[in-house]
Amino acid sequence: MKGLHILRVAVATGIVLAGLSGARADEQSRPPEIEQDIKLLPAEGEYAGIRDTLETCVTCHGLNGPSAEPVIPVLSGQQLYYIYVQLKDFKAGRRSSDVMESVAQSLEKEQMQLIAKFYSEQNWPRLGYRGDAEKVQRGQVAAESGECTACHLGKYEGNSRVPHIGGQQYEYLLKTMMDLKAKTRANAAVMADLFGSYSDEDIAAMAVFLADY
């Protein structure tokens, strides 16, 4: 499965580097999992004009299932406004990612809004992650001490600009929180200050707790 995950990322990166104006990675190199996801994309209606871009998104982020790699976030069922703001931040350089910055640079405001709307309308997948019980408990205590549910709500589903984080990919959660603590992710100053008050061990436990939620 690891080889499949790597291939999914490689295919997506190839599409991005080739450009989003009609260029395609060799479809024969796509795993069946990707092809099945792509077949589910709408060919008509509201999203027809961004289908090519959605194809690129699905290659890494998946569709109604896990993302290609644990460090890549699930987007299906994510909050609409949160996705839109992140795309804007990638384009403006407020959030860094070689692949995502390349994607975002090619997008207009209306396209970003449609991508966000499309993904927000999908079902949040159950990834089946199960963490160590002691770490889950420690992570819950850490999350409660930070009053995370005040913004992310009781089931960690988020709201508008606040992301859904319950049941998100563990490695993505861990990397995101550590990046915020180190201030290498610069588009969420309040969260950076919050994570600066936690030990690395507590942050790792919170990632386990949230992924297991």
Protein backbone atom coordinates (compact mmCIF):
# COMPACT_ATOMS: atom_id res chain seq x y z
CA MET A 1 0.00 0.00 0.00
CA LYS A 2 2.89 2.36 0.67
CA GLY A 3 3.95 2.10 -2.98
CA LEU A 4 0.41 2.97 -4.05
CA HIS A 5 0.41 6.04 -1.81
CA ILE A 6 3.75 7.24 -3.20
CA LEU A 7 2.50 6.74 -6.75
CA ARG A 8 -0.60 8.79 -6.05
CA VAL A 9 1.50 11.70 -4.84
CA ALA A 10 3.89 11.37 -7.78
CA VAL A 11 1.03 11.41 -10.28
CA ALA A 12 -0.52 14.47 -8.67
CA THR A 13 2.78 16.33 -8.60
CA GLY A 14 3.32 15.49 -12.25
CA ILE A 15 -0.03 16.98 -13.18
CA VAL A 16 0.73 20.16 -11.26
CA LEU A 17 4.19 20.61 -12.76
CA ALA A 18 2.83 19.96 -16.23
CA GLY A 19 0.32 22.76 -15.71
CA LEU A 20 -3.43 22.79 -15.29
CA SER A 21 -4.30 24.08 -18.74
CA GLY A 22 -5.05 20.67 -20.20
CA ALA A 23 -1.85 18.69 -19.69
CA ARG A 24 -2.25 15.22 -18.22
CA ALA A 25 -0.07 12.68 -16.51
CA ASP A 26 -0.11 9.32 -18.22
CA GLU A 27 -3.47 7.86 -17.22
CA GLN A 28 -2.06 4.35 -17.40
CA SER A 29 0.19 5.22 -14.44
CA ARG A 30 -2.78 5.91 -12.19
CA PRO A 31 -3.72 3.24 -9.66
CA PRO A 32 -7.28 1.89 -9.94
CA GLU A 33 -8.16 3.70 -6.70
CA ILE A 34 -7.52 7.05 -8.35
CA GLU A 35 -9.40 6.12 -11.51
CA GLN A 36 -12.44 5.13 -9.46
CA ASP A 37 -12.39 8.45 -7.59
CA ILE A 38 -12.05 10.40 -10.82
CA LYS A 39 -15.01 8.60 -12.38
CA LEU A 40 -17.15 9.99 -9.56
CA LEU A 41 -16.35 13.59 -10.46
CA PRO A 42 -19.20 15.51 -12.12
CA ALA A 43 -18.87 15.98 -15.88
CA GLU A 44 -21.86 18.33 -16.11
CA GLY A 45 -23.47 21.06 -14.08
CA GLU A 46 -21.99 23.52 -11.60
CA TYR A 47 -18.59 21.82 -11.29
CA ALA A 48 -17.99 20.87 -14.92
CA GLY A 49 -15.73 23.88 -15.46
CA ILE A 50 -13.34 22.84 -12.68
CA ARG A 51 -13.40 19.10 -13.29
CA ASP A 52 -9.77 19.07 -14.48
CA THR A 53 -8.66 20.85 -11.32
CA LEU A 54 -10.78 18.56 -9.14
CA GLU A 55 -9.06 15.63 -10.83
CA THR A 56 -5.75 16.98 -9.56
CA CYS A 57 -7.20 17.54 -6.08
CA VAL A 58 -8.62 14.02 -5.87
CA THR A 59 -5.31 12.44 -6.87
CA CYS A 60 -3.81 13.52 -3.55
CA HIS A 61 -6.75 14.33 -1.26
CA GLY A 62 -9.02 11.49 -2.35
CA LEU A 63 -12.79 11.62 -2.59
CA ASN A 64 -15.01 10.25 0.17
CA GLY A 65 -12.07 8.23 1.43
CA PRO A 66 -8.54 8.57 2.79
CA SER A 67 -6.02 10.90 1.23
CA ALA A 68 -3.06 9.48 -0.70
CA GLU A 69 -0.62 9.89 2.18
CA PRO A 70 -1.26 10.30 5.92
CA VAL A 71 0.49 13.68 5.85
CA ILE A 72 -2.04 14.95 3.28
CA PRO A 73 -5.36 16.11 4.77
CA VAL A 74 -8.76 14.68 4.03
CA LEU A 75 -10.89 17.37 2.37
CA SER A 76 -14.20 15.58 1.80
CA GLY A 77 -16.68 17.07 4.25
CA GLN A 78 -14.30 19.84 5.33
CA GLN A 79 -15.70 23.28 6.11
CA LEU A 80 -16.33 25.32 2.95
CA TYR A 81 -14.94 28.64 4.11
CA TYR A 82 -11.89 27.00 5.68
CA ILE A 83 -10.92 25.36 2.37
CA TYR A 84 -11.44 28.62 0.51
CA VAL A 85 -9.31 30.62 2.94
CA GLN A 86 -6.49 28.06 2.79
CA LEU A 87 -6.45 28.21 -1.02
CA LYS A 88 -6.27 32.01 -0.83
CA ASP A 89 -3.44 31.79 1.69
CA PHE A 90 -1.46 29.36 -0.49
CA LYS A 91 -1.83 31.72 -3.43
CA ALA A 92 -0.79 34.76 -1.36
CA GLY A 93 2.16 32.95 0.23
CA ARG A 94 0.71 33.09 3.73
CA ARG A 95 0.84 29.29 3.88
CA SER A 96 3.62 27.33 2.18
CA SER A 97 3.59 24.11 0.16
CA ASP A 98 5.43 23.66 -3.13
CA VAL A 99 2.58 21.64 -4.65
CA MET A 100 -0.32 23.65 -3.24
CA GLU A 101 1.24 27.01 -4.05
CA SER A 102 1.62 25.86 -7.66
CA VAL A 103 -2.01 24.76 -7.77
CA ALA A 104 -3.37 27.89 -6.09
CA GLN A 105 -1.44 30.28 -8.34
CA SER A 106 -3.48 29.06 -11.31
CA LEU A 107 -6.85 29.53 -9.62
CA GLU A 108 -9.21 32.48 -9.73
CA LYS A 109 -11.46 33.39 -6.80
CA GLU A 110 -14.53 31.77 -8.34
CA GLN A 111 -12.64 28.51 -8.94
CA MET A 112 -11.43 28.43 -5.34
CA GLN A 113 -14.98 28.94 -4.12
CA LEU A 114 -16.27 26.10 -6.30
CA ILE A 115 -13.52 23.70 -5.15
CA ALA A 116 -14.32 24.54 -1.53
CA LYS A 117 -18.05 24.11 -2.12
CA PHE A 118 -17.59 20.78 -3.91
CA TYR A 119 -15.46 19.24 -1.18
CA SER A 120 -17.66 20.62 1.62
CA GLU A 121 -20.64 18.79 0.09
CA GLN A 122 -18.94 15.38 0.27
CA ASN A 123 -19.20 13.00 3.20
CA TRP A 124 -16.49 13.05 5.86
CA PRO A 125 -14.89 9.58 5.69
CA ARG A 126 -14.23 7.33 8.66
CA LEU A 127 -10.55 6.42 8.41
CA GLY A 128 -10.63 3.85 11.20
CA TYR A 129 -7.56 5.17 13.01
CA ARG A 130 -7.15 3.75 16.51
CA GLY A 131 -4.56 5.24 18.84
CA ASP A 132 -2.88 4.01 21.98
CA ALA A 133 -5.38 4.35 24.84
CA GLU A 134 -2.98 6.21 27.15
CA LYS A 135 -2.08 8.70 24.43
CA VAL A 136 -5.74 9.19 23.57
CA GLN A 137 -6.49 10.00 27.20
CA ARG A 138 -3.50 12.35 27.49
CA GLY A 139 -4.50 14.04 24.25
CA GLN A 140 -8.06 14.52 25.44
CA VAL A 141 -6.83 16.21 28.62
CA ALA A 142 -4.56 18.48 26.58
CA ALA A 143 -7.35 19.39 24.15
CA GLU A 144 -9.76 20.13 26.99
CA SER A 145 -7.19 22.32 28.74
CA GLY A 146 -6.91 24.36 25.54
CA GLU A 147 -10.70 24.61 25.26
CA CYS A 148 -10.48 23.37 21.67
CA THR A 149 -14.22 22.70 21.48
CA ALA A 150 -14.95 26.39 21.96
CA CYS A 151 -14.02 26.88 18.31
CA HIS A 152 -13.94 23.39 16.79
CA LEU A 153 -17.22 22.48 18.52
CA GLY A 154 -18.13 19.43 20.54
CA LYS A 155 -17.45 16.80 17.90
CA TYR A 156 -14.43 18.65 16.49
CA GLU A 157 -16.40 19.16 13.26
CA GLY A 158 -15.44 22.82 12.98
CA ASN A 159 -17.55 25.71 11.81
CA SER A 160 -17.09 27.96 8.80
CA ARG A 161 -13.46 29.13 8.96
CA VAL A 162 -12.62 26.65 11.75
CA PRO A 163 -11.65 23.24 10.31
CA HIS A 164 -13.08 19.80 10.96
CA ILE A 165 -10.27 17.98 12.78
CA GLY A 166 -11.96 15.02 14.46
CA GLY A 167 -10.99 11.89 12.52
CA GLN A 168 -8.45 13.74 10.36
CA GLN A 169 -5.20 12.04 9.31
CA TYR A 170 -2.89 11.61 12.33
CA GLU A 171 0.33 12.56 10.56
CA TYR A 172 -1.28 15.64 9.05
CA LEU A 173 -2.60 16.74 12.44
CA LEU A 174 0.79 16.21 14.07
CA LYS A 175 2.71 18.06 11.35
CA THR A 176 0.23 20.94 11.31
CA MET A 177 0.32 21.46 15.07
CA MET A 178 4.12 21.21 15.18
CA ASP A 179 4.42 23.66 12.26
CA LEU A 180 2.16 26.08 14.10
CA LYS A 181 4.21 25.73 17.28
CA ALA A 182 7.44 26.38 15.32
CA LYS A 183 5.71 29.25 13.46
CA THR A 184 6.67 27.72 10.11
CA ARG A 185 2.97 27.89 9.30
CA ALA A 186 2.17 31.55 9.47
CA ASN A 187 -1.54 31.91 8.71
CA ALA A 188 -2.97 31.13 12.16
CA ALA A 189 -1.28 33.30 14.77
CA VAL A 190 -3.72 32.46 17.57
CA MET A 191 -3.15 28.74 17.11
CA ALA A 192 0.62 29.24 16.93
CA ASP A 193 0.53 30.97 20.31
CA LEU A 194 -1.66 28.23 21.76
CA PHE A 195 0.59 25.37 20.61
CA GLY A 196 3.62 27.26 21.83
CA SER A 197 2.34 26.57 25.34
CA TYR A 198 2.27 22.78 24.84
CA SER A 199 5.08 20.25 25.01
CA ASP A 200 5.85 18.21 21.91
CA GLU A 201 4.59 15.14 23.76
CA ASP A 202 1.23 16.74 24.51
CA ILE A 203 0.89 17.84 20.90
CA ALA A 204 1.62 14.31 19.69
CA ALA A 205 -0.99 12.97 22.11
CA MET A 206 -3.56 15.50 20.87
CA ALA A 207 -2.94 14.34 17.31
CA VAL A 208 -3.63 10.76 18.42
CA PHE A 209 -6.78 11.80 20.29
CA LEU A 210 -8.18 13.80 17.37
CA ALA A 211 -7.32 11.20 14.72
CA ASP A 212 -8.99 8.56 16.91
CA TYR A 213 -12.10 10.68 17.49
